[in-house]
Amino acid sequence: MSSKQVQPNGAISTLPEGSPFLREELPLTVREAAVYLGVSTQTVYLWVERKQIPHLRVMGRNIRFLRSDLEPFRATFKNEVGDGKTKET
C-alpha cells in the first residue's frame, strides 16, 4: 500500500509506506520552491544566480532546495516585502 500526496501543481505523487523520507524532507524543485515562496520560477532562478537563496546543485545543473533552508529565507522575504512594498532602510 502507498500514501498519496498532492503536489502544488495538482499532481499526485505516490510514496511507498515505510519510506525513509517524509514529503517535507524531500528536496524541492525550482517550481515547488517558487510556489512555496509565492514568487515566479524566474525570480527563484535569479536569486540562485545571485546566491541570495540557499540551494543545492544535483548532478551539475539541477537545482534543489531544502524546505528547512527555505523557511528562514521565506520569513525574511515576507518581512521585507510586507504589503507588496519593499521597506526602505
PDB file of N, CA and C in Angstrom:
ATOM      1  N   MET A   1       0.844  -1.177   0.000  1.00  0.00           N
ATOM      2  CA  MET A   1       0.000   0.000   0.000  1.00  0.00           C
ATOM      3  C   MET A   1       0.884   1.234   0.000  1.00  0.00           C
ATOM      4  N   SER A   2       0.393   2.344  -0.508  1.00  0.00           N
ATOM      5  CA  SER A   2       1.198   3.558  -0.557  1.00  0.00           C
ATOM      6  C   SER A   2       0.346   4.752  -0.153  1.00  0.00           C
ATOM      7  N   SER A   3       1.027   5.821   0.277  1.00  0.00           N
ATOM      8  CA  SER A   3       0.309   7.049   0.625  1.00  0.00           C
ATOM      9  C   SER A   3       0.440   8.018  -0.537  1.00  0.00           C
ATOM     10  N   LYS A   4      -0.599   8.789  -0.771  1.00  0.00           N
ATOM     11  CA  LYS A   4      -0.586   9.731  -1.883  1.00  0.00           C
ATOM     12  C   LYS A   4      -0.508  11.142  -1.337  1.00  0.00           C
ATOM     13  N   GLN A   5       0.307  11.954  -1.989  1.00  0.00           N
ATOM     14  CA  GLN A   5       0.492  13.346  -1.611  1.00  0.00           C
ATOM     15  C   GLN A   5       0.099  14.218  -2.789  1.00  0.00           C
ATOM     16  N   VAL A   6      -0.627  15.294  -2.533  1.00  0.00           N
ATOM     17  CA  VAL A   6      -0.979  16.228  -3.590  1.00  0.00           C
ATOM     18  C   VAL A   6       0.124  17.257  -3.683  1.00  0.00           C
ATOM     19  N   GLN A   7       0.672  17.423  -4.875  1.00  0.00           N
ATOM     20  CA  GLN A   7       1.739  18.378  -5.092  1.00  0.00           C
ATOM     21  C   GLN A   7       1.148  19.735  -5.450  1.00  0.00           C
ATOM     22  N   PRO A   8       1.971  20.824  -5.347  1.00  0.00           N
ATOM     23  CA  PRO A   8       1.461  22.162  -5.648  1.00  0.00           C
ATOM     24  C   PRO A   8       0.853  22.299  -7.041  1.00  0.00           C
ATOM     25  N   ASN A   9       1.337  21.532  -8.020  1.00  0.00           N
ATOM     26  CA  ASN A   9       0.806  21.643  -9.374  1.00  0.00           C
ATOM     27  C   ASN A   9      -0.439  20.777  -9.580  1.00  0.00           C
ATOM     28  N   GLY A  10      -0.932  20.153  -8.515  1.00  0.00           N
ATOM     29  CA  GLY A  10      -2.147  19.360  -8.598  1.00  0.00           C
ATOM     30  C   GLY A  10      -1.901  17.891  -8.890  1.00  0.00           C
ATOM     31  N   ALA A  11      -0.665  17.531  -9.221  1.00  0.00           N
ATOM     32  CA  ALA A  11      -0.346  16.135  -9.498  1.00  0.00           C
ATOM     33  C   ALA A  11      -0.286  15.365  -8.179  1.00  0.00           C
ATOM     34  N   ILE A  12      -0.447  14.071  -8.277  1.00  0.00           N
ATOM     35  CA  ILE A  12      -0.388  13.229  -7.086  1.00  0.00           C
ATOM     36  C   ILE A  12       0.856  12.369  -7.174  1.00  0.00           C
ATOM     37  N   SER A  13       1.676  12.435  -6.124  1.00  0.00           N
ATOM     38  CA  SER A  13       2.850  11.573  -6.075  1.00  0.00           C
ATOM     39  C   SER A  13       2.557  10.441  -5.106  1.00  0.00           C
ATOM     40  N   THR A  14       3.149   9.304  -5.364  1.00  0.00           N
ATOM     41  CA  THR A  14       2.929   8.151  -4.511  1.00  0.00           C
ATOM     42  C   THR A  14       4.222   7.830  -3.777  1.00  0.00           C
ATOM     43  N   LEU A  15       4.137   7.801  -2.457  1.00  0.00           N
ATOM     44  CA  LEU A  15       5.275   7.423  -1.631  1.00  0.00           C
ATOM     45  C   LEU A  15       4.980   6.064  -1.017  1.00  0.00           C
ATOM     46  N   PRO A  16       5.881   5.111  -1.171  1.00  0.00           N
ATOM     47  CA  PRO A  16       5.636   3.803  -0.572  1.00  0.00           C
ATOM     48  C   PRO A  16       5.616   3.904   0.941  1.00  0.00           C
ATOM     49  N   GLU A  17       4.731   3.118   1.559  1.00  0.00           N
ATOM     50  CA  GLU A  17       4.680   3.102   3.021  1.00  0.00           C
ATOM     51  C   GLU A  17       6.014   2.611   3.544  1.00  0.00           C
ATOM     52  N   GLY A  18       6.433   3.189   4.658  1.00  0.00           N
ATOM     53  CA  GLY A  18       7.720   2.824   5.209  1.00  0.00           C
ATOM     54  C   GLY A  18       8.867   3.544   4.534  1.00  0.00           C
ATOM     55  N   SER A  19       8.550   4.493   3.662  1.00  0.00           N
ATOM     56  CA  SER A  19       9.584   5.273   3.002  1.00  0.00           C
ATOM     57  C   SER A  19      10.379   6.024   4.064  1.00  0.00           C
ATOM     58  N   PRO A  20      11.715   6.060   3.948  1.00  0.00           N
ATOM     59  CA  PRO A  20      12.513   6.715   4.978  1.00  0.00           C
ATOM     60  C   PRO A  20      12.383   8.237   4.972  1.00  0.00           C
ATOM     61  N   PHE A  21      11.767   8.805   3.945  1.00  0.00           N
ATOM     62  CA  PHE A  21      11.633  10.257   3.848  1.00  0.00           C
ATOM     63  C   PHE A  21      10.181  10.678   3.959  1.00  0.00           C
ATOM     64  N   LEU A  22       9.940  11.721   4.696  1.00  0.00           N
ATOM     65  CA  LEU A  22       8.637  12.365   4.684  1.00  0.00           C
ATOM     66  C   LEU A  22       8.632  13.351   3.534  1.00  0.00           C
ATOM     67  N   ARG A  23       7.472  13.727   3.054  1.00  0.00           N
ATOM     68  CA  ARG A  23       7.376  14.650   1.927  1.00  0.00           C
ATOM     69  C   ARG A  23       8.114  15.954   2.221  1.00  0.00           C
ATOM     70  N   GLU A  24       8.079  16.430   3.482  1.00  0.00           N
ATOM     71  CA  GLU A  24       8.714  17.685   3.843  1.00  0.00           C
ATOM     72  C   GLU A  24      10.235  17.602   3.765  1.00  0.00           C
ATOM     73  N   GLU A  25      10.795  16.397   3.856  1.00  0.00           N
ATOM     74  CA  GLU A  25      12.240  16.226   3.846  1.00  0.00           C
ATOM     75  C   GLU A  25      12.807  16.095   2.442  1.00  0.00           C
ATOM     76  N   LEU A  26      11.979  15.819   1.465  1.00  0.00           N
ATOM     77  CA  LEU A  26      12.462  15.671   0.103  1.00  0.00           C
ATOM     78  C   LEU A  26      12.824  17.040  -0.456  1.00  0.00           C
ATOM     79  N   PRO A  27      13.929  17.138  -1.210  1.00  0.00           N
ATOM     80  CA  PRO A  27      14.295  18.425  -1.805  1.00  0.00           C
ATOM     81  C   PRO A  27      13.218  18.910  -2.782  1.00  0.00           C
ATOM     82  N   LEU A  28      13.036  20.219  -2.812  1.00  0.00           N
ATOM     83  CA  LEU A  28      12.045  20.834  -3.687  1.00  0.00           C
ATOM     84  C   LEU A  28      12.689  21.218  -5.014  1.00  0.00           C
ATOM     85  N   THR A  29      11.909  21.135  -6.081  1.00  0.00           N
ATOM     86  CA  THR A  29      12.359  21.616  -7.376  1.00  0.00           C
ATOM     87  C   THR A  29      12.223  23.139  -7.403  1.00  0.00           C
ATOM     88  N   VAL A  30      12.703  23.751  -8.467  1.00  0.00           N
ATOM     89  CA  VAL A  30      12.576  25.200  -8.613  1.00  0.00           C
ATOM     90  C   VAL A  30      11.100  25.598  -8.629  1.00  0.00           C
ATOM     91  N   ARG A  31      10.288  24.854  -9.333  1.00  0.00           N
ATOM     92  CA  ARG A  31       8.859  25.158  -9.410  1.00  0.00           C
ATOM     93  C   ARG A  31       8.192  25.056  -8.035  1.00  0.00           C
ATOM     94  N   GLU A  32       8.499  23.988  -7.306  1.00  0.00           N
ATOM     95  CA  GLU A  32       7.916  23.802  -5.977  1.00  0.00           C
ATOM     96  C   GLU A  32       8.383  24.893  -5.009  1.00  0.00           C
ATOM     97  N   ALA A  33       9.660  25.276  -5.099  1.00  0.00           N
ATOM     98  CA  ALA A  33      10.185  26.348  -4.248  1.00  0.00           C
ATOM     99  C   ALA A  33       9.497  27.672  -4.573  1.00  0.00           C
ATOM    100  N   ALA A  34       9.261  27.932  -5.854  1.00  0.00           N
ATOM    101  CA  ALA A  34       8.583  29.165  -6.262  1.00  0.00           C
ATOM    102  C   ALA A  34       7.168  29.218  -5.695  1.00  0.00           C
ATOM    103  N   VAL A  35       6.457  28.109  -5.750  1.00  0.00           N
ATOM    104  CA  VAL A  35       5.102  28.042  -5.189  1.00  0.00           C
ATOM    105  C   VAL A  35       5.157  28.258  -3.681  1.00  0.00           C
ATOM    106  N   TYR A  36       6.090  27.603  -3.013  1.00  0.00           N
ATOM    107  CA  TYR A  36       6.237  27.722  -1.561  1.00  0.00           C
ATOM    108  C   TYR A  36       6.538  29.163  -1.147  1.00  0.00           C
ATOM    109  N   LEU A  37       7.371  29.853  -1.945  1.00  0.00           N
ATOM    110  CA  LEU A  37       7.755  31.229  -1.622  1.00  0.00           C
ATOM    111  C   LEU A  37       6.777  32.267  -2.170  1.00  0.00           C
ATOM    112  N   GLY A  38       5.897  31.855  -3.074  1.00  0.00           N
ATOM    113  CA  GLY A  38       4.919  32.781  -3.648  1.00  0.00           C
ATOM    114  C   GLY A  38       5.502  33.721  -4.680  1.00  0.00           C
ATOM    115  N   VAL A  39       6.503  33.227  -5.418  1.00  0.00           N
ATOM    116  CA  VAL A  39       7.135  34.030  -6.468  1.00  0.00           C
ATOM    117  C   VAL A  39       7.196  33.206  -7.750  1.00  0.00           C
ATOM    118  N   SER A  40       7.661  33.818  -8.827  1.00  0.00           N
ATOM    119  CA  SER A  40       7.780  33.098 -10.093  1.00  0.00           C
ATOM    120  C   SER A  40       9.050  32.257 -10.117  1.00  0.00           C
ATOM    121  N   THR A  41       9.092  31.288 -11.018  1.00  0.00           N
ATOM    122  CA  THR A  41      10.295  30.472 -11.167  1.00  0.00           C
ATOM    123  C   THR A  41      11.465  31.337 -11.626  1.00  0.00           C
ATOM    124  N   GLN A  42      11.186  32.355 -12.432  1.00  0.00           N
ATOM    125  CA  GLN A  42      12.244  33.257 -12.904  1.00  0.00           C
ATOM    126  C   GLN A  42      12.900  33.978 -11.732  1.00  0.00           C
ATOM    127  N   THR A  43      12.099  34.366 -10.736  1.00  0.00           N
ATOM    128  CA  THR A  43      12.638  35.025  -9.552  1.00  0.00           C
ATOM    129  C   THR A  43      13.536  34.071  -8.777  1.00  0.00           C
ATOM    130  N   VAL A  44      13.111  32.816  -8.648  1.00  0.00           N
ATOM    131  CA  VAL A  44      13.932  31.825  -7.943  1.00  0.00           C
ATOM    132  C   VAL A  44      15.263  31.637  -8.668  1.00  0.00           C
ATOM    133  N   TYR A  45      15.239  31.507 -10.001  1.00  0.00           N
ATOM    134  CA  TYR A  45      16.476  31.363 -10.764  1.00  0.00           C
ATOM    135  C   TYR A  45      17.379  32.586 -10.580  1.00  0.00           C
ATOM    136  N   LEU A  46      16.804  33.769 -10.546  1.00  0.00           N
ATOM    137  CA  LEU A  46      17.571  34.994 -10.343  1.00  0.00           C
ATOM    138  C   LEU A  46      18.248  34.987  -8.974  1.00  0.00           C
ATOM    139  N   TRP A  47      17.493  34.598  -7.939  1.00  0.00           N
ATOM    140  CA  TRP A  47      18.056  34.514  -6.592  1.00  0.00           C
ATOM    141  C   TRP A  47      19.185  33.494  -6.529  1.00  0.00           C
ATOM    142  N   VAL A  48      19.035  32.370  -7.226  1.00  0.00           N
ATOM    143  CA  VAL A  48      20.090  31.350  -7.262  1.00  0.00           C
ATOM    144  C   VAL A  48      21.329  31.935  -7.934  1.00  0.00           C
ATOM    145  N   GLU A  49      21.139  32.593  -9.062  1.00  0.00           N
ATOM    146  CA  GLU A  49      22.259  33.181  -9.797  1.00  0.00           C
ATOM    147  C   GLU A  49      23.012  34.199  -8.946  1.00  0.00           C
ATOM    148  N   ARG A  50      22.263  34.972  -8.157  1.00  0.00           N
ATOM    149  CA  ARG A  50      22.859  35.996  -7.294  1.00  0.00           C
ATOM    150  C   ARG A  50      23.308  35.442  -5.938  1.00  0.00           C
ATOM    151  N   LYS A  51      23.094  34.136  -5.740  1.00  0.00           N
ATOM    152  CA  LYS A  51      23.439  33.454  -4.481  1.00  0.00           C
ATOM    153  C   LYS A  51      22.745  34.094  -3.285  1.00  0.00           C
ATOM    154  N   GLN A  52      21.465  34.457  -3.476  1.00  0.00           N
ATOM    155  CA  GLN A  52      20.668  35.070  -2.421  1.00  0.00           C
ATOM    156  C   GLN A  52      19.787  34.071  -1.694  1.00  0.00           C
ATOM    157  N   ILE A  53      19.718  32.852  -2.205  1.00  0.00           N
ATOM    158  CA  ILE A  53      18.833  31.846  -1.631  1.00  0.00           C
ATOM    159  C   ILE A  53      19.613  30.539  -1.455  1.00  0.00           C
ATOM    160  N   PRO A  54      19.458  29.863  -0.314  1.00  0.00           N
ATOM    161  CA  PRO A  54      20.179  28.598  -0.124  1.00  0.00           C
ATOM    162  C   PRO A  54      19.664  27.528  -1.082  1.00  0.00           C
ATOM    163  N   HIS A  55      20.572  26.850  -1.764  1.00  0.00           N
ATOM    164  CA  HIS A  55      20.176  25.836  -2.742  1.00  0.00           C
ATOM    165  C   HIS A  55      21.233  24.757  -2.858  1.00  0.00           C
ATOM    166  N   LEU A  56      20.872  23.677  -3.510  1.00  0.00           N
ATOM    167  CA  LEU A  56      21.760  22.546  -3.760  1.00  0.00           C
ATOM    168  C   LEU A  56      21.855  22.331  -5.258  1.00  0.00           C
ATOM    169  N   ARG A  57      23.009  21.943  -5.723  1.00  0.00           N
ATOM    170  CA  ARG A  57      23.179  21.545  -7.125  1.00  0.00           C
ATOM    171  C   ARG A  57      23.247  20.022  -7.158  1.00  0.00           C
ATOM    172  N   VAL A  58      22.390  19.424  -7.972  1.00  0.00           N
ATOM    173  CA  VAL A  58      22.343  17.971  -8.088  1.00  0.00           C
ATOM    174  C   VAL A  58      22.728  17.600  -9.516  1.00  0.00           C
ATOM    175  N   MET A  59      23.707  16.742  -9.649  1.00  0.00           N
ATOM    176  CA  MET A  59      24.172  16.291 -10.968  1.00  0.00           C
ATOM    177  C   MET A  59      24.552  17.477 -11.860  1.00  0.00           C
ATOM    178  N   GLY A  60      25.206  18.457 -11.281  1.00  0.00           N
ATOM    179  CA  GLY A  60      25.707  19.575 -12.063  1.00  0.00           C
ATOM    180  C   GLY A  60      24.752  20.735 -12.237  1.00  0.00           C
ATOM    181  N   ARG A  61      23.676  20.539 -13.000  1.00  0.00           N
ATOM    182  CA  ARG A  61      22.808  21.654 -13.364  1.00  0.00           C
ATOM    183  C   ARG A  61      21.481  21.695 -12.614  1.00  0.00           C
ATOM    184  N   ASN A  62      21.020  20.576 -12.121  1.00  0.00           N
ATOM    185  CA  ASN A  62      19.729  20.541 -11.432  1.00  0.00           C
ATOM    186  C   ASN A  62      19.812  21.264 -10.090  1.00  0.00           C
ATOM    187  N   ILE A  63      18.830  22.096  -9.824  1.00  0.00           N
ATOM    188  CA  ILE A  63      18.801  22.885  -8.596  1.00  0.00           C
ATOM    189  C   ILE A  63      17.702  22.349  -7.699  1.00  0.00           C
ATOM    190  N   ARG A  64      18.015  22.153  -6.431  1.00  0.00           N
ATOM    191  CA  ARG A  64      17.043  21.686  -5.453  1.00  0.00           C
ATOM    192  C   ARG A  64      17.156  22.536  -4.201  1.00  0.00           C
ATOM    193  N   PHE A  65      16.080  22.539  -3.408  1.00  0.00           N
ATOM    194  CA  PHE A  65      16.004  23.337  -2.194  1.00  0.00           C
ATOM    195  C   PHE A  65      15.487  22.470  -1.056  1.00  0.00           C
ATOM    196  N   LEU A  66      16.028  22.676   0.131  1.00  0.00           N
ATOM    197  CA  LEU A  66      15.501  22.013   1.317  1.00  0.00           C
ATOM    198  C   LEU A  66      14.511  22.959   1.977  1.00  0.00           C
ATOM    199  N   ARG A  67      13.351  22.431   2.304  1.00  0.00           N
ATOM    200  CA  ARG A  67      12.313  23.259   2.933  1.00  0.00           C
ATOM    201  C   ARG A  67      12.840  23.903   4.224  1.00  0.00           C
ATOM    202  N   SER A  68      13.650  23.144   4.975  1.00  0.00           N
ATOM    203  CA  SER A  68      14.192  23.683   6.227  1.00  0.00           C
ATOM    204  C   SER A  68      15.117  24.878   5.972  1.00  0.00           C
ATOM    205  N   ASP A  69      15.766  24.927   4.804  1.00  0.00           N
ATOM    206  CA  ASP A  69      16.595  26.088   4.440  1.00  0.00           C
ATOM    207  C   ASP A  69      15.740  27.250   3.952  1.00  0.00           C
ATOM    208  N   LEU A  70      14.607  26.939   3.342  1.00  0.00           N
ATOM    209  CA  LEU A  70      13.757  27.988   2.778  1.00  0.00           C
ATOM    210  C   LEU A  70      12.885  28.681   3.822  1.00  0.00           C
ATOM    211  N   GLU A  71      12.582  28.005   4.930  1.00  0.00           N
ATOM    212  CA  GLU A  71      11.705  28.605   5.948  1.00  0.00           C
ATOM    213  C   GLU A  71      12.242  29.926   6.490  1.00  0.00           C
ATOM    214  N   PRO A  72      13.521  30.006   6.936  1.00  0.00           N
ATOM    215  CA  PRO A  72      14.022  31.298   7.414  1.00  0.00           C
ATOM    216  C   PRO A  72      14.103  32.333   6.284  1.00  0.00           C
ATOM    217  N   PHE A  73      14.469  31.883   5.082  1.00  0.00           N
ATOM    218  CA  PHE A  73      14.522  32.790   3.937  1.00  0.00           C
ATOM    219  C   PHE A  73      13.132  33.352   3.644  1.00  0.00           C
ATOM    220  N   ARG A  74      12.138  32.484   3.690  1.00  0.00           N
ATOM    221  CA  ARG A  74      10.754  32.900   3.433  1.00  0.00           C
ATOM    222  C   ARG A  74      10.290  33.922   4.469  1.00  0.00           C
ATOM    223  N   ALA A  75      10.617  33.701   5.739  1.00  0.00           N
ATOM    224  CA  ALA A  75      10.226  34.631   6.797  1.00  0.00           C
ATOM    225  C   ALA A  75      10.885  35.994   6.582  1.00  0.00           C
ATOM    226  N   THR A  76      12.170  36.005   6.248  1.00  0.00           N
ATOM    227  CA  THR A  76      12.880  37.255   5.982  1.00  0.00           C
ATOM    228  C   THR A  76      12.291  37.946   4.759  1.00  0.00           C
ATOM    229  N   PHE A  77      12.041  37.165   3.715  1.00  0.00           N
ATOM    230  CA  PHE A  77      11.486  37.699   2.477  1.00  0.00           C
ATOM    231  C   PHE A  77      10.124  38.326   2.723  1.00  0.00           C
ATOM    232  N   LYS A  78       9.262  37.646   3.462  1.00  0.00           N
ATOM    233  CA  LYS A  78       7.913  38.174   3.736  1.00  0.00           C
ATOM    234  C   LYS A  78       7.984  39.445   4.573  1.00  0.00           C
ATOM    235  N   ASN A  79       8.910  39.517   5.533  1.00  0.00           N
ATOM    236  CA  ASN A  79       9.068  40.719   6.350  1.00  0.00           C
ATOM    237  C   ASN A  79       9.529  41.903   5.507  1.00  0.00           C
ATOM    238  N   GLU A  80      10.442  41.658   4.564  1.00  0.00           N
ATOM    239  CA  GLU A  80      10.950  42.728   3.730  1.00  0.00           C
ATOM    240  C   GLU A  80       9.903  43.241   2.759  1.00  0.00           C
ATOM    241  N   VAL A  81       9.118  42.348   2.212  1.00  0.00           N
ATOM    242  CA  VAL A  81       8.139  42.728   1.208  1.00  0.00           C
ATOM    243  C   VAL A  81       6.881  43.329   1.850  1.00  0.00           C
ATOM    244  N   GLY A  82       6.434  42.757   2.956  1.00  0.00           N
ATOM    245  CA  GLY A  82       5.260  43.285   3.654  1.00  0.00           C
ATOM    246  C   GLY A  82       4.016  43.256   2.799  1.00  0.00           C
ATOM    247  N   ASP A  83       3.438  44.412   2.555  1.00  0.00           N
ATOM    248  CA  ASP A  83       2.194  44.513   1.791  1.00  0.00           C
ATOM    249  C   ASP A  83       2.461  44.786   0.315  1.00  0.00           C
ATOM    250  N   GLY A  84       3.484  44.196  -0.221  1.00  0.00           N
ATOM    251  CA  GLY A  84       3.777  44.386  -1.638  1.00  0.00           C
ATOM    252  C   GLY A  84       4.735  45.535  -1.887  1.00  0.00           C
ATOM    253  N   LYS A  85       5.208  46.176  -0.829  1.00  0.00           N
ATOM    254  CA  LYS A  85       6.154  47.260  -0.974  1.00  0.00           C
ATOM    255  C   LYS A  85       7.410  46.933  -0.168  1.00  0.00           C
ATOM    256  N   THR A  86       8.557  47.112  -0.787  1.00  0.00           N
ATOM    257  CA  THR A  86       9.805  46.866  -0.096  1.00  0.00           C
ATOM    258  C   THR A  86      10.022  47.962   0.928  1.00  0.00           C
ATOM    259  N   LYS A  87      10.371  47.556   2.142  1.00  0.00           N
ATOM    260  CA  LYS A  87      10.633  48.532   3.197  1.00  0.00           C
ATOM    261  C   LYS A  87      11.916  49.283   2.878  1.00  0.00           C
ATOM    262  N   GLU A  88      11.908  50.585   3.110  1.00  0.00           N
ATOM    263  CA  GLU A  88      13.095  51.381   2.872  1.00  0.00           C
ATOM    264  C   GLU A  88      13.954  51.389   4.111  1.00  0.00           C
ATOM    265  N   THR A  89      15.277  51.324   3.898  1.00  0.00           N
ATOM    266  CA  THR A  89      16.203  51.299   5.024  1.00  0.00           C
ATOM    267  C   THR A  89      16.982  52.584   5.118  1.00  0.00           C
TER     268      THR A  89
END
